[in-house]
Structures are given as C-alpha cells and as structure tokens.
C-alpha atoms as a PDB file:
ATOM      1  CA  MET A   1       0.000   0.000   0.000  1.00  0.00           C
ATOM      2  CA  SER A   2       1.232   3.469  -0.836  1.00  0.00           C
ATOM      3  CA  ASN A   3       1.780   5.780   2.127  1.00  0.00           C
ATOM      4  CA  ASN A   4       0.795   8.765  -0.012  1.00  0.00           C
ATOM      5  CA  ILE A   5      -2.625  10.382  -0.256  1.00  0.00           C
ATOM      6  CA  LEU A   6      -3.832  13.648  -1.769  1.00  0.00           C
ATOM      7  CA  VAL A   7      -6.760  15.099   0.193  1.00  0.00           C
ATOM      8  CA  CYS A   8      -8.557  17.822  -1.735  1.00  0.00           C
ATOM      9  CA  GLY A   9     -10.744  20.382  -0.031  1.00  0.00           C
ATOM     10  CA  ASN A  10     -12.985  22.669  -2.052  1.00  0.00           C
ATOM     11  CA  GLY A  11     -11.155  25.938  -1.532  1.00  0.00           C
ATOM     12  CA  PRO A  12     -10.081  27.886  -4.635  1.00  0.00           C
ATOM     13  CA  SER A  13      -6.461  26.745  -4.360  1.00  0.00           C
ATOM     14  CA  CYS A  14      -7.638  23.288  -5.464  1.00  0.00           C
ATOM     15  CA  LYS A  15      -7.469  24.730  -8.986  1.00  0.00           C
ATOM     16  CA  GLU A  16      -3.724  25.240  -8.561  1.00  0.00           C
ATOM     17  CA  ILE A  17      -2.388  21.866  -7.409  1.00  0.00           C
ATOM     18  CA  ASP A  18       1.313  21.532  -8.103  1.00  0.00           C
ATOM     19  CA  PHE A  19       1.577  17.919  -9.196  1.00  0.00           C
ATOM     20  CA  THR A  20       5.365  18.042  -9.112  1.00  0.00           C
ATOM     21  CA  ARG A  21       4.850  17.992  -5.322  1.00  0.00           C
ATOM     22  CA  VAL A  22       2.438  15.019  -5.358  1.00  0.00           C
ATOM     23  CA  PRO A  23       3.833  11.478  -5.738  1.00  0.00           C
ATOM     24  CA  GLU A  24       2.259   9.713  -8.696  1.00  0.00           C
ATOM     25  CA  ASP A  25       1.173   6.718  -6.600  1.00  0.00           C
ATOM     26  CA  SER A  26      -0.952   8.885  -4.292  1.00  0.00           C
ATOM     27  CA  LYS A  27      -4.517   7.891  -3.530  1.00  0.00           C
ATOM     28  CA  ILE A  28      -7.105  10.624  -4.127  1.00  0.00           C
ATOM     29  CA  MET A  29      -9.663  11.740  -1.530  1.00  0.00           C
ATOM     30  CA  ARG A  30     -12.373  14.277  -2.464  1.00  0.00           C
ATOM     31  CA  VAL A  31     -15.141  15.909  -0.426  1.00  0.00           C
ATOM     32  CA  THR A  32     -18.666  17.315  -0.638  1.00  0.00           C
ATOM     33  CA  ASN A  33     -19.784  18.684  -4.028  1.00  0.00           C
ATOM     34  CA  PHE A  34     -16.299  18.790  -5.542  1.00  0.00           C
ATOM     35  CA  TYR A  35     -17.783  17.376  -8.731  1.00  0.00           C
ATOM     36  CA  PHE A  36     -19.147  20.775  -9.729  1.00  0.00           C
ATOM     37  CA  GLU A  37     -15.578  21.726 -10.656  1.00  0.00           C
ATOM     38  CA  GLU A  38     -15.142  23.038 -14.200  1.00  0.00           C
ATOM     39  CA  MET A  39     -12.115  20.856 -14.886  1.00  0.00           C
ATOM     40  CA  TYR A  40     -10.772  17.582 -13.558  1.00  0.00           C
ATOM     41  CA  TYR A  41      -8.404  19.303 -11.159  1.00  0.00           C
ATOM     42  CA  ALA A  42      -7.268  16.035  -9.582  1.00  0.00           C
ATOM     43  CA  GLY A  43      -8.384  13.531 -12.201  1.00  0.00           C
ATOM     44  CA  LYS A  44     -11.491  11.376 -12.605  1.00  0.00           C
ATOM     45  CA  LYS A  45     -10.475   8.644 -10.176  1.00  0.00           C
ATOM     46  CA  VAL A  46     -11.826   9.093  -6.647  1.00  0.00           C
ATOM     47  CA  ASP A  47     -10.435   6.518  -4.236  1.00  0.00           C
ATOM     48  CA  PHE A  48     -12.256   7.982  -1.225  1.00  0.00           C
ATOM     49  CA  TYR A  49     -15.236  10.354  -1.063  1.00  0.00           C
ATOM     50  CA  VAL A  50     -16.243  12.124   2.164  1.00  0.00           C
ATOM     51  CA  ASP A  51     -19.533  13.973   2.591  1.00  0.00           C
ATOM     52  CA  TYR A  52     -21.895  15.226   5.268  1.00  0.00           C
ATOM     53  CA  ILE A  53     -25.092  13.380   6.032  1.00  0.00           C
ATOM     54  CA  LYS A  54     -27.691  16.156   5.776  1.00  0.00           C
ATOM     55  CA  ARG A  55     -28.553  15.423   2.133  1.00  0.00           C
ATOM     56  CA  LEU A  56     -27.616  11.741   1.969  1.00  0.00           C
ATOM     57  CA  ASP A  57     -30.371  10.820  -0.503  1.00  0.00           C
ATOM     58  CA  ASN A  58     -29.311  13.501  -2.968  1.00  0.00           C
ATOM     59  CA  GLN A  59     -25.562  13.261  -2.514  1.00  0.00           C
ATOM     60  CA  TYR A  60     -25.479   9.489  -2.900  1.00  0.00           C
ATOM     61  CA  PHE A  61     -27.721   9.639  -5.962  1.00  0.00           C
ATOM     62  CA  ASN A  62     -25.407  12.264  -7.467  1.00  0.00           C
ATOM     63  CA  ILE A  63     -22.188  10.294  -7.118  1.00  0.00           C
ATOM     64  CA  ARG A  64     -23.750   6.990  -8.155  1.00  0.00           C
ATOM     65  CA  THR A  65     -25.286   8.603 -11.261  1.00  0.00           C
ATOM     66  CA  MET A  66     -21.991  10.257 -12.219  1.00  0.00           C
ATOM     67  CA  ASN A  67     -20.235   6.945 -11.675  1.00  0.00           C
ATOM     68  CA  ASP A  68     -22.664   5.176 -14.007  1.00  0.00           C
ATOM     69  CA  LYS A  69     -22.219   7.914 -16.644  1.00  0.00           C
ATOM     70  CA  GLY A  70     -18.432   7.657 -16.442  1.00  0.00           C
ATOM     71  CA  GLU A  71     -18.065  11.292 -15.440  1.00  0.00           C
ATOM     72  CA  TYR A  72     -16.062  10.158 -12.427  1.00  0.00           C
ATOM     73  CA  ASP A  73     -14.702   6.842 -11.226  1.00  0.00           C
ATOM     74  CA  PHE A  74     -15.790   6.581  -7.591  1.00  0.00           C
ATOM     75  CA  ASP A  75     -14.898   3.614  -5.434  1.00  0.00           C
ATOM     76  CA  MET A  76     -18.442   3.102  -4.193  1.00  0.00           C
ATOM     77  CA  GLU A  77     -17.167   0.951  -1.332  1.00  0.00           C
ATOM     78  CA  ASN A  78     -15.263   3.928   0.003  1.00  0.00           C
ATOM     79  CA  THR A  79     -17.887   6.628   0.455  1.00  0.00           C
ATOM     80  CA  TRP A  80     -17.696   8.074   3.944  1.00  0.00           C
ATOM     81  CA  TRP A  81     -20.147  10.331   5.787  1.00  0.00           C
ATOM     82  CA  THR A  82     -19.479  12.660   8.702  1.00  0.00           C
ATOM     83  CA  VAL A  83     -22.037  11.435  11.185  1.00  0.00           C
ATOM     84  CA  MET A  84     -22.675   8.528  13.508  1.00  0.00           C
ATOM     85  CA  PHE A  85     -25.362   6.287  12.061  1.00  0.00           C
ATOM     86  CA  GLU A  86     -26.688   2.762  12.173  1.00  0.00           C
ATOM     87  CA  GLU A  87     -26.420   0.439   9.198  1.00  0.00           C
ATOM     88  CA  ASN A  88     -28.890   1.502   6.527  1.00  0.00           C
ATOM     89  CA  PRO A  89     -30.303  -1.153   4.163  1.00  0.00           C
ATOM     90  CA  HIS A  90     -30.719   1.474   1.429  1.00  0.00           C
ATOM     91  CA  PHE A  91     -27.008   2.379   1.517  1.00  0.00           C
ATOM     92  CA  PRO A  92     -25.186  -0.872   2.353  1.00  0.00           C
ATOM     93  CA  THR A  93     -21.697   0.304   1.368  1.00  0.00           C
ATOM     94  CA  ILE A  94     -21.498   3.726   3.024  1.00  0.00           C
ATOM     95  CA  LYS A  95     -19.300   4.145   6.076  1.00  0.00           C
ATOM     96  CA  SER A  96     -19.191   6.548   9.009  1.00  0.00           C
ATOM     97  CA  CYS A  97     -16.136   8.783   8.880  1.00  0.00           C
ATOM     98  CA  THR A  98     -17.045  10.159  12.293  1.00  0.00           C
ATOM     99  CA  GLU A  99     -17.251   6.739  13.923  1.00  0.00           C
ATOM    100  CA  PHE A 100     -13.974   5.651  12.335  1.00  0.00           C
ATOM    101  CA  ILE A 101     -11.884   8.633  13.426  1.00  0.00           C
ATOM    102  CA  GLN A 102     -13.435   8.688  16.892  1.00  0.00           C
ATOM    103  CA  ARG A 103     -11.928   5.288  17.586  1.00  0.00           C
ATOM    104  CA  VAL A 104      -8.975   7.453  18.576  1.00  0.00           C
ATOM    105  CA  PRO A 105     -10.126   8.712  22.001  1.00  0.00           C
ATOM    106  CA  LEU A 106      -8.464  12.138  21.854  1.00  0.00           C
ATOM    107  CA  ILE A 107      -9.996  12.838  18.446  1.00  0.00           C
ATOM    108  CA  ALA A 108     -13.411  12.026  19.885  1.00  0.00           C
ATOM    109  CA  GLU A 109     -12.686  14.197  22.922  1.00  0.00           C
ATOM    110  CA  PHE A 110     -11.604  17.162  20.769  1.00  0.00           C
ATOM    111  CA  ARG A 111     -14.672  16.995  18.549  1.00  0.00           C
ATOM    112  CA  CYS A 112     -17.150  16.537  21.401  1.00  0.00           C
ATOM    113  CA  PHE A 113     -15.565  19.255  23.552  1.00  0.00           C
ATOM    114  CA  TYR A 114     -15.852  21.944  20.884  1.00  0.00           C
ATOM    115  CA  GLU A 115     -19.350  20.877  19.852  1.00  0.00           C
ATOM    116  CA  TYR A 116     -20.750  20.636  23.386  1.00  0.00           C
ATOM    117  CA  TYR A 117     -19.207  23.724  24.956  1.00  0.00           C
ATOM    118  CA  TYR A 118     -18.779  26.111  22.035  1.00  0.00           C
ATOM    119  CA  GLY A 119     -21.063  24.962  19.211  1.00  0.00           C
ATOM    120  CA  LYS A 120     -18.022  24.610  16.905  1.00  0.00           C
ATOM    121  CA  TYR A 121     -17.805  21.872  14.300  1.00  0.00           C
ATOM    122  CA  LEU A 122     -15.011  20.307  12.285  1.00  0.00           C
ATOM    123  CA  PRO A 123     -15.594  20.927   8.565  1.00  0.00           C
ATOM    124  CA  THR A 124     -16.005  17.889   6.346  1.00  0.00           C
ATOM    125  CA  GLY A 125     -12.615  18.473   4.724  1.00  0.00           C
ATOM    126  CA  ILE A 126     -10.798  18.551   8.072  1.00  0.00           C
ATOM    127  CA  GLN A 127     -12.511  15.312   9.073  1.00  0.00           C
ATOM    128  CA  ALA A 128     -11.402  13.872   5.735  1.00  0.00           C
ATOM    129  CA  ILE A 129      -7.792  14.645   6.650  1.00  0.00           C
ATOM    130  CA  ALA A 130      -8.292  12.823   9.951  1.00  0.00           C
ATOM    131  CA  LEU A 131      -9.799   9.878   8.081  1.00  0.00           C
ATOM    132  CA  ALA A 132      -6.747   9.625   5.829  1.00  0.00           C
ATOM    133  CA  VAL A 133      -4.428   9.758   8.833  1.00  0.00           C
ATOM    134  CA  CYS A 134      -6.421   7.190  10.811  1.00  0.00           C
ATOM    135  CA  MET A 135      -6.355   4.885   7.781  1.00  0.00           C
ATOM    136  CA  GLY A 136      -2.580   4.828   8.123  1.00  0.00           C
ATOM    137  CA  TYR A 137      -1.419   7.223   5.423  1.00  0.00           C
ATOM    138  CA  GLU A 138       1.766   8.936   6.533  1.00  0.00           C
ATOM    139  CA  ASN A 139       2.381  11.387   3.696  1.00  0.00           C
ATOM    140  CA  VAL A 140      -0.762  13.502   3.521  1.00  0.00           C
ATOM    141  CA  TYR A 141      -0.770  16.111   0.759  1.00  0.00           C
ATOM    142  CA  LEU A 142      -3.345  18.891   1.072  1.00  0.00           C
ATOM    143  CA  ALA A 143      -4.990  20.949  -1.668  1.00  0.00           C
ATOM    144  CA  GLY A 144      -7.890  23.370  -1.470  1.00  0.00           C
ATOM    145  CA  PHE A 145      -7.731  23.909   2.289  1.00  0.00           C
ATOM    146  CA  ASP A 146      -7.959  27.685   2.371  1.00  0.00           C
ATOM    147  CA  LEU A 147      -9.643  28.096   5.769  1.00  0.00           C
ATOM    148  CA  PHE A 148     -12.611  30.006   4.287  1.00  0.00           C
ATOM    149  CA  SER A 149     -10.345  33.033   4.014  1.00  0.00           C
ATOM    150  CA  ASP A 150     -12.217  34.897   1.228  1.00  0.00           C
ATOM    151  CA  MET A 151     -15.989  35.390   1.280  1.00  0.00           C
ATOM    152  CA  ASN A 152     -16.124  36.041  -2.458  1.00  0.00           C
ATOM    153  CA  ASN A 153     -14.006  33.046  -3.379  1.00  0.00           C
ATOM    154  CA  MET A 154     -14.759  30.237  -0.975  1.00  0.00           C
ATOM    155  CA  HIS A 155     -15.050  27.329  -3.392  1.00  0.00           C
ATOM    156  CA  SER A 156     -13.245  25.876  -6.385  1.00  0.00           C
ATOM    157  CA  TYR A 157     -16.539  25.678  -8.299  1.00  0.00           C
ATOM    158  CA  VAL A 158     -19.350  28.041  -9.276  1.00  0.00           C
ATOM    159  CA  ASP A 159     -22.020  25.585 -10.414  1.00  0.00           C
ATOM    160  CA  GLY A 160     -24.401  23.648  -8.203  1.00  0.00           C
ATOM    161  CA  ARG A 161     -26.949  26.334  -7.432  1.00  0.00           C
ATOM    162  CA  LYS A 162     -29.231  23.978  -5.509  1.00  0.00           C
ATOM    163  CA  SER A 163     -26.326  22.911  -3.361  1.00  0.00           C
ATOM    164  CA  ILE A 164     -24.899  26.408  -2.902  1.00  0.00           C
ATOM    165  CA  GLU A 165     -28.303  27.803  -2.004  1.00  0.00           C
ATOM    166  CA  THR A 166     -28.759  25.000   0.503  1.00  0.00           C
ATOM    167  CA  MET A 167     -25.342  25.637   2.044  1.00  0.00           C
ATOM    168  CA  ARG A 168     -25.755  29.419   2.029  1.00  0.00           C
ATOM    169  CA  GLY A 169     -29.312  29.111   3.235  1.00  0.00           C
ATOM    170  CA  TYR A 170     -28.380  27.981   6.709  1.00  0.00           C
ATOM    171  CA  LYS A 171     -31.246  28.880   9.016  1.00  0.00           C
ATOM    172  CA  LYS A 172     -30.508  31.422  11.690  1.00  0.00           C
ATOM    173  CA  THR A 173     -30.486  28.981  14.559  1.00  0.00           C
ATOM    174  CA  SER A 174     -28.418  28.301  17.631  1.00  0.00           C
ATOM    175  CA  VAL A 175     -28.523  24.573  16.911  1.00  0.00           C
ATOM    176  CA  TYR A 176     -26.287  23.468  14.040  1.00  0.00           C
ATOM    177  CA  ASP A 177     -28.198  21.730  11.249  1.00  0.00           C
ATOM    178  CA  SER A 178     -31.197  21.197  13.508  1.00  0.00           C
ATOM    179  CA  GLY A 179     -33.572  22.554  10.906  1.00  0.00           C
ATOM    180  CA  ALA A 180     -35.104  24.889  13.460  1.00  0.00           C
ATOM    181  CA  ASP A 181     -35.726  28.366  12.081  1.00  0.00           C
ATOM    182  CA  THR A 182     -35.598  30.657  15.101  1.00  0.00           C
ATOM    183  CA  THR A 183     -35.513  34.029  13.381  1.00  0.00           C
ATOM    184  CA  GLY A 184     -37.781  33.673  10.402  1.00  0.00           C
ATOM    185  CA  GLY A 185     -35.300  33.886   7.553  1.00  0.00           C
ATOM    186  CA  GLU A 186     -32.346  32.470   5.698  1.00  0.00           C
ATOM    187  CA  LEU A 187     -28.845  33.870   5.822  1.00  0.00           C
ATOM    188  CA  SER A 188     -27.463  36.220   3.227  1.00  0.00           C
ATOM    189  CA  ALA A 189     -24.135  35.360   1.590  1.00  0.00           C
ATOM    190  CA  LEU A 190     -22.336  37.654   4.056  1.00  0.00           C
ATOM    191  CA  GLU A 191     -24.176  36.208   7.032  1.00  0.00           C
ATOM    192  CA  ALA A 192     -23.431  32.686   5.805  1.00  0.00           C
ATOM    193  CA  PHE A 193     -19.746  33.569   5.551  1.00  0.00           C
ATOM    194  CA  GLU A 194     -19.816  34.900   9.113  1.00  0.00           C
ATOM    195  CA  TYR A 195     -21.744  31.812  10.214  1.00  0.00           C
ATOM    196  CA  ILE A 196     -19.112  29.515   8.723  1.00  0.00           C
ATOM    197  CA  HIS A 197     -16.353  31.416  10.500  1.00  0.00           C
ATOM    198  CA  LYS A 198     -18.306  31.207  13.731  1.00  0.00           C
ATOM    199  CA  THR A 199     -18.967  27.462  13.557  1.00  0.00           C
ATOM    200  CA  HIS A 200     -15.730  26.407  11.779  1.00  0.00           C
ATOM    201  CA  PRO A 201     -13.144  28.832  13.189  1.00  0.00           C
ATOM    202  CA  GLU A 202      -9.676  28.772  11.684  1.00  0.00           C
ATOM    203  CA  SER A 203      -8.034  28.404  15.091  1.00  0.00           C
ATOM    204  CA  MET A 204     -10.000  25.227  15.869  1.00  0.00           C
ATOM    205  CA  GLN A 205      -9.131  23.703  12.490  1.00  0.00           C
ATOM    206  CA  ILE A 206      -5.434  24.361  13.021  1.00  0.00           C
ATOM    207  CA  ASN A 207      -5.537  23.092  16.603  1.00  0.00           C
ATOM    208  CA  PHE A 208      -7.067  19.876  15.319  1.00  0.00           C
ATOM    209  CA  LEU A 209      -4.343  19.434  12.717  1.00  0.00           C
ATOM    210  CA  ARG A 210      -1.764  19.996  15.456  1.00  0.00           C
ATOM    211  CA  LEU A 211      -3.479  17.268  17.483  1.00  0.00           C
ATOM    212  CA  LEU A 212      -3.204  14.872  14.540  1.00  0.00           C
ATOM    213  CA  GLU A 213       0.503  15.644  14.258  1.00  0.00           C
ATOM    214  CA  LYS A 214       0.929  14.907  17.955  1.00  0.00           C
ATOM    215  CA  LEU A 215      -1.065  11.677  17.869  1.00  0.00           C
ATOM    216  CA  PHE A 216       0.605  10.407  14.690  1.00  0.00           C
ATOM    217  CA  PRO A 217       4.245  11.581  14.901  1.00  0.00           C
ATOM    218  CA  LYS A 218       5.295   9.696  11.750  1.00  0.00           C
ATOM    219  CA  MET A 219       2.620  11.473   9.704  1.00  0.00           C
ATOM    220  CA  LYS A 220       3.418  14.563   7.659  1.00  0.00           C
ATOM    221  CA  LEU A 221       0.903  17.160   6.497  1.00  0.00           C
ATOM    222  CA  MET A 222       2.131  18.980   3.394  1.00  0.00           C
ATOM    223  CA  SER A 223       0.575  21.606   1.164  1.00  0.00           C
ATOM    224  CA  VAL A 224       0.743  21.257  -2.614  1.00  0.00           C
ATOM    225  CA  CYS A 225      -0.794  24.648  -3.445  1.00  0.00           C
ATOM    226  CA  GLU A 226       1.540  27.614  -3.329  1.00  0.00           C
ATOM    227  CA  THR A 227      -1.277  30.144  -2.822  1.00  0.00           C
ATOM    228  CA  SER A 228      -3.213  28.378  -0.078  1.00  0.00           C
ATOM    229  CA  ALA A 229      -3.912  30.158   3.203  1.00  0.00           C
ATOM    230  CA  ILE A 230      -3.008  26.983   5.067  1.00  0.00           C
ATOM    231  CA  ASN A 231       0.637  27.494   4.119  1.00  0.00           C
ATOM    232  CA  GLU A 232       0.906  29.824   7.080  1.00  0.00           C
ATOM    233  CA  TYR A 233       0.638  26.737   9.285  1.00  0.00           C
ATOM    234  CA  ILE A 234       2.069  23.819   7.307  1.00  0.00           C
ATOM    235  CA  GLY A 235       4.958  23.619   4.881  1.00  0.00           C
ATOM    236  CA  LEU A 236       4.949  23.032   1.152  1.00  0.00           C
ATOM    237  CA  ALA A 237       5.709  19.513   0.022  1.00  0.00           C
ATOM    238  CA  PRO A 238       9.070  18.970  -1.650  1.00  0.00           C
ATOM    239  CA  THR A 239       9.285  18.768  -5.423  1.00  0.00           C
ATOM    240  CA  TYR A 240       9.513  15.192  -6.679  1.00  0.00           C
ATOM    241  CA  ALA A 241       9.736  15.834 -10.422  1.00  0.00           C
ATOM    242  CA  GLN A 242      10.656  18.585 -12.861  1.00  0.00           C
ATOM    243  CA  THR A 243       7.351  18.334 -14.696  1.00  0.00           C
ATOM    244  CA  PRO A 244       3.882  17.502 -13.319  1.00  0.00           C
ATOM    245  CA  TRP A 245       2.643  13.959 -13.898  1.00  0.00           C
ATOM    246  CA  TYR A 246      -0.929  15.261 -14.200  1.00  0.00           C
ATOM    247  CA  THR A 247      -2.381  18.387 -15.808  1.00  0.00           C
ATOM    248  CA  PRO A 248      -6.060  19.301 -15.249  1.00  0.00           C
ATOM    249  CA  ILE A 249      -8.255  18.569 -18.265  1.00  0.00           C
ATOM    250  CA  GLU A 250     -11.541  20.061 -19.411  1.00  0.00           C
ATOM    251  CA  LYS A 251     -14.767  18.346 -18.467  1.00  0.00           C
ATOM    252  CA  PRO A 252     -17.365  17.577 -21.151  1.00  0.00           C
ATOM    253  CA  ALA A 253     -19.912  20.217 -22.121  1.00  0.00           C
ATOM    254  CA  ASN A 254     -22.704  18.087 -20.629  1.00  0.00           C
ATOM    255  CA  ARG A 255     -20.948  17.804 -17.263  1.00  0.00           C
ATOM    256  CA  THR A 256     -22.978  17.710 -14.082  1.00  0.00           C
ATOM    257  CA  ARG A 257     -23.764  21.273 -13.032  1.00  0.00           C
ATOM    258  CA  ASP A 258     -26.245  20.755 -10.221  1.00  0.00           C
ATOM    259  CA  TRP A 259     -27.807  18.147  -8.001  1.00  0.00           C
ATOM    260  CA  TYR A 260     -29.874  15.603  -9.868  1.00  0.00           C
ATOM    261  CA  THR A 261     -33.596  15.463  -9.231  1.00  0.00           C
ATOM    262  CA  LEU A 262     -34.465  12.277  -7.397  1.00  0.00           C
ATOM    263  CA  PRO A 263     -36.505   9.716  -9.376  1.00  0.00           C
ATOM    264  CA  GLU A 264     -40.283  10.069  -9.357  1.00  0.00           C
ATOM    265  CA  SER A 265     -40.513   6.375  -8.534  1.00  0.00           C
ATOM    266  CA  MET A 266     -38.528   6.759  -5.310  1.00  0.00           C
ATOM    267  CA  PRO A 267     -40.606   5.841  -2.240  1.00  0.00           C
ATOM    268  CA  SER A 268     -40.835   8.756   0.201  1.00  0.00           C
ATOM    269  CA  ARG A 269     -39.225  10.913  -2.477  1.00  0.00           C
ATOM    270  CA  LYS A 270     -37.556  14.100  -1.255  1.00  0.00           C
ATOM    271  CA  VAL A 271     -37.511  16.791  -3.902  1.00  0.00           C
ATOM    272  CA  ILE A 272     -34.925  19.577  -3.810  1.00  0.00           C
ATOM    273  CA  THR A 273     -36.535  22.639  -5.373  1.00  0.00           C
END
C-alpha cells in the first residue's frame, strides 16, 4: 500500500495543485460537491469520497449517477459520511467517517468538547484529513484547504446552485443543522460567511491538525498549493519531479452542473426545489 494520499478540499487553491509535489502513486480523496468543478483538477479517479449526512439521498444519488455515466470513477465501497449512524439497508456500502476517526479517544474528545461547549464543528474536509491519517497514510498532501479566508471566493466551483443555495441558506439557529428556524429567515451570503467562521473557526481547524501531528508523529501534512492560506501553518511539500505527472483537463460540455432530481418512482421521495 502506498503511504501517499492527496486530500482535496474545495477551496479555490484546489485549482492550482502543483503535481510536481504530489507522488504519482498517491490515492485521491475528495469531499462534498467537488464534482461541480469546471475541470478535472485532480483527475477522474476518486479513491475515497467524504460527505456530510444532511442530504444523503441527494448526494449518494449524485455520485452513483456520475459513476454510471463515467463522469467520475468513484470507489463506491469507500464513500464516507461525517455522522454517527446505524447500518442503513438502502445504503449498504457507506461508512461513518465520524465513527472511524473517533476510535482514537483524543480525536473524539476534541470533537465533542468543541461541539458541546462552544457549538463549533469540524468541517467535512478537516474530518477527511483525519480519516486519511487514521487509515494509516503517513504522507498527507493537502490541496484546497484555504480556511474560508475569502468570502467572495470560498469554493473551487461556481455551479451547483441547488447545493450552494442549501449551504448558504443555513437557518438562523443556535442549533447546528437542527432545521429549526428561530428568526424567520435564511442567511445572506455575508451572514453565511460569518456563520461559517463562527462554527468552523480557523483556530480550531489548526488546533485539530496539530493534534493529529501529535497523535501520529510519523505522519506529515504537506501543502501542494503555493497560494493556499493553510501554508501559514504547514509547509509546502518537496518537489519530486521537474514536470507535473498530471495536468487538469476540461470536463465535457454536458458535465454535471447541479444536483440531480431524485426519481419520481422513489418511495418517500424528497424533492430539492
């Protein structure tokens, strides 16, 4: 097994991966909604996919449909979701990222402490890094982890209006993802940006990465994007080749640009409007 893995967040620096810094035998891990990207920034092969559970029906249908169309090559036995859940007969191959990483007691303690006392939550991408580390990967290359540093340029994609509206339409509530609307309205883009910074603060993300480094002393976190905000905290990976082994390629004109509508025949169908 290769000790190398490239974990891609969805920050804008994901468009600028320096593949001279990424070993060619690296596994590829992607996260929520990355597939709205305009180009194949890290290739079509997805060895591991990590998502959040709130829209499981839609997200799973999206990746399975794209897999069947050949738009991406997902390993459907390695789709991970950031929540604790019981085995679901409708999704027999999905796994709990949260349960897996919390087998390490101090990871569980960190996550629960910040959630219980401060209402702070580890972003999906940060949990994906922990998943890679807990799987045993020692050389962990990071792309697109920009710590939500720019309100006007938070993601490496612009499509996916249904998804973006859902993510930006967080209800004004004191309970994260509870669905309770306590103030009678959805957040504006600016308020959503402030909400993300409030619930996913940069300091907590960095403290968690420091914890991983302490718990797994043989593991190295390395950036492969020269413009990423995370470079303030972790170093750039060394250069392994004079020329990149991969160059991003254009996606087809009929690429997926939004969440798919769930089938009419689906029992208890949930429609995203």
